[in-house]
Protein backbone atom coordinates (compact mmCIF):
# COMPACT_ATOMS: atom_id res chain seq x y z
CA MET A 1 -171.17 -126.33 113.10
CA LYS A 2 -173.82 -125.18 115.59
CA GLU A 3 -173.09 -124.35 119.16
CA ILE A 4 -175.73 -125.06 121.93
CA ILE A 5 -176.13 -122.13 124.38
CA LEU A 6 -176.87 -122.97 128.11
CA THR A 7 -176.68 -120.52 130.96
CA ASP A 8 -178.08 -121.12 134.59
CA LYS A 9 -178.68 -117.27 134.70
CA ALA A 10 -181.99 -118.04 132.88
CA PRO A 11 -184.60 -120.75 133.43
CA GLY A 12 -183.78 -124.10 132.00
CA ALA A 13 -185.87 -125.50 129.05
CA VAL A 14 -189.19 -126.89 130.04
CA GLY A 15 -189.21 -129.16 127.13
CA PRO A 16 -186.76 -130.85 124.48
CA TYR A 17 -185.11 -127.57 123.21
CA SER A 18 -182.04 -125.32 123.86
CA GLN A 19 -182.09 -121.83 125.34
CA ALA A 20 -180.39 -120.78 122.18
CA VAL A 21 -178.31 -122.09 119.46
CA LYS A 22 -175.44 -120.20 117.66
CA LYS A 23 -174.70 -120.76 114.00
CA GLY A 24 -172.03 -118.59 112.37
CA ASN A 25 -172.75 -114.99 113.80
CA LEU A 26 -176.47 -115.65 114.25
CA LEU A 27 -177.73 -116.56 117.45
CA PHE A 28 -181.28 -118.11 117.69
CA CYS A 29 -182.95 -117.76 121.13
CA SER A 30 -185.89 -119.83 122.24
CA GLY A 31 -188.96 -118.19 123.68
CA GLN A 32 -188.26 -116.91 127.35
CA ILE A 33 -191.30 -117.04 129.77
CA PRO A 34 -191.21 -115.02 133.09
CA LEU A 35 -189.78 -117.88 135.25
CA ASP A 36 -187.34 -117.02 138.20
CA PRO A 37 -184.17 -118.85 137.36
CA GLU A 38 -183.42 -119.41 140.80
CA THR A 39 -186.86 -121.05 141.88
CA GLY A 40 -188.28 -121.99 138.61
CA ASP A 41 -191.62 -120.30 139.76
CA LEU A 42 -193.68 -118.15 137.47
CA VAL A 43 -193.25 -114.38 138.50
CA GLN A 44 -196.18 -112.76 139.95
CA GLY A 45 -197.24 -109.06 139.76
CA GLY A 46 -199.02 -108.79 136.37
CA ILE A 47 -197.97 -108.40 132.98
CA LYS A 48 -195.48 -105.75 133.55
CA ALA A 49 -193.55 -107.77 135.90
CA GLN A 50 -193.83 -110.94 133.84
CA THR A 51 -192.43 -108.89 130.62
CA LYS A 52 -189.55 -107.65 132.74
CA ARG A 53 -188.57 -111.16 133.88
CA ALA A 54 -189.03 -112.56 130.27
CA MET A 55 -186.62 -109.78 129.03
CA GLU A 56 -184.04 -110.53 131.90
CA ASN A 57 -184.14 -114.08 131.03
CA LEU A 58 -183.67 -113.29 127.24
CA LYS A 59 -180.73 -110.98 128.14
CA ALA A 60 -179.07 -113.63 130.30
CA VAL A 61 -179.22 -116.04 127.47
CA ILE A 62 -177.91 -113.51 124.85
CA GLU A 63 -175.12 -112.36 127.12
CA SER A 64 -174.05 -116.01 127.98
CA ALA A 65 -173.47 -116.23 124.19
CA GLY A 66 -171.37 -113.11 124.03
CA TYR A 67 -173.99 -111.00 122.50
CA GLY A 68 -176.07 -107.98 123.67
CA LEU A 69 -179.57 -106.75 123.47
CA GLU A 70 -178.25 -104.34 120.98
CA ASP A 71 -177.37 -107.36 118.66
CA ILE A 72 -181.17 -108.54 118.46
CA VAL A 73 -182.36 -108.14 114.98
CA LYS A 74 -185.69 -109.66 115.33
CA ALA A 75 -188.01 -110.39 118.28
CA THR A 76 -191.36 -112.08 118.63
CA ILE A 77 -193.65 -111.47 121.66
CA TYR A 78 -196.53 -113.68 122.50
CA ILE A 79 -199.18 -112.36 124.90
CA THR A 80 -202.32 -113.77 126.17
CA ASP A 81 -204.15 -110.56 126.55
CA MET A 82 -203.77 -108.03 123.70
CA ASP A 83 -205.43 -105.48 125.88
CA LYS A 84 -202.07 -105.54 127.75
CA PHE A 85 -200.20 -104.57 124.60
CA ALA A 86 -199.36 -101.12 125.87
CA GLU A 87 -198.02 -102.18 129.05
CA VAL A 88 -195.89 -104.94 127.44
CA ASN A 89 -194.46 -102.26 124.89
CA GLU A 90 -193.58 -99.91 127.74
CA VAL A 91 -191.36 -102.62 129.52
CA TYR A 92 -189.88 -104.00 126.38
CA ALA A 93 -188.95 -100.54 125.24
CA SER A 94 -186.83 -99.89 128.47
CA PHE A 95 -184.48 -102.59 127.48
CA PHE A 96 -183.38 -100.69 124.44
CA SER A 97 -181.81 -97.31 123.97
CA SER A 98 -182.15 -96.92 120.39
CA ASP A 99 -182.25 -98.87 117.08
CA PHE A 100 -185.16 -101.21 117.97
CA PRO A 101 -184.97 -104.66 116.40
CA ALA A 102 -187.72 -105.78 113.95
CA ARG A 103 -190.47 -107.21 115.93
CA VAL A 104 -193.84 -108.99 115.64
CA THR A 105 -196.42 -109.46 118.51
CA VAL A 106 -198.90 -112.32 118.40
CA GLY A 107 -201.82 -112.74 120.80
CA VAL A 108 -202.08 -116.43 121.86
CA ALA A 109 -204.85 -118.38 123.84
CA ALA A 110 -202.19 -119.78 126.36
CA LEU A 111 -198.56 -119.98 127.02
CA PRO A 112 -196.42 -122.68 129.03
CA LYS A 113 -196.77 -122.64 132.89
CA GLY A 114 -199.68 -120.13 132.76
CA ALA A 115 -197.53 -117.32 131.51
CA MET A 116 -198.98 -114.02 130.31
CA VAL A 117 -196.01 -113.36 127.96
CA GLU A 118 -193.19 -115.14 126.06
CA ILE A 119 -190.40 -113.50 124.01
CA ASP A 120 -187.91 -114.99 121.66
CA ALA A 121 -185.30 -113.32 119.47
CA ILE A 122 -182.57 -113.58 116.69
CA ALA A 123 -179.32 -111.93 117.13
CA CYS A 124 -176.41 -111.14 114.82
CA GLY A 125 -173.03 -110.34 116.12
């Protein structure tokens, strides 16, 4: 049986999907863009601020399911400007102390709501 994960500490879905779905000990997290969960507005301040907010949103979803960032086994980062890759990496790395998850980063033409970054993850508890 699968369990739908929903928290108000991260932005609500902007389409027909769940913030995360838990199946067994696996947690599949939908992509998080840098929306302020209180206002629903896109965070301003550049790629670093947007990456930080996206990671905070992802963390909120993961923690609401009883997991932690250390439980992430795979992440995918989508960015609209590959020239900003180093800045995204810097912020992303600050959320982990060691044992980084497997990851892929994909350059894309556009993201929902005009975001510069979106991050999804799979966690295993």
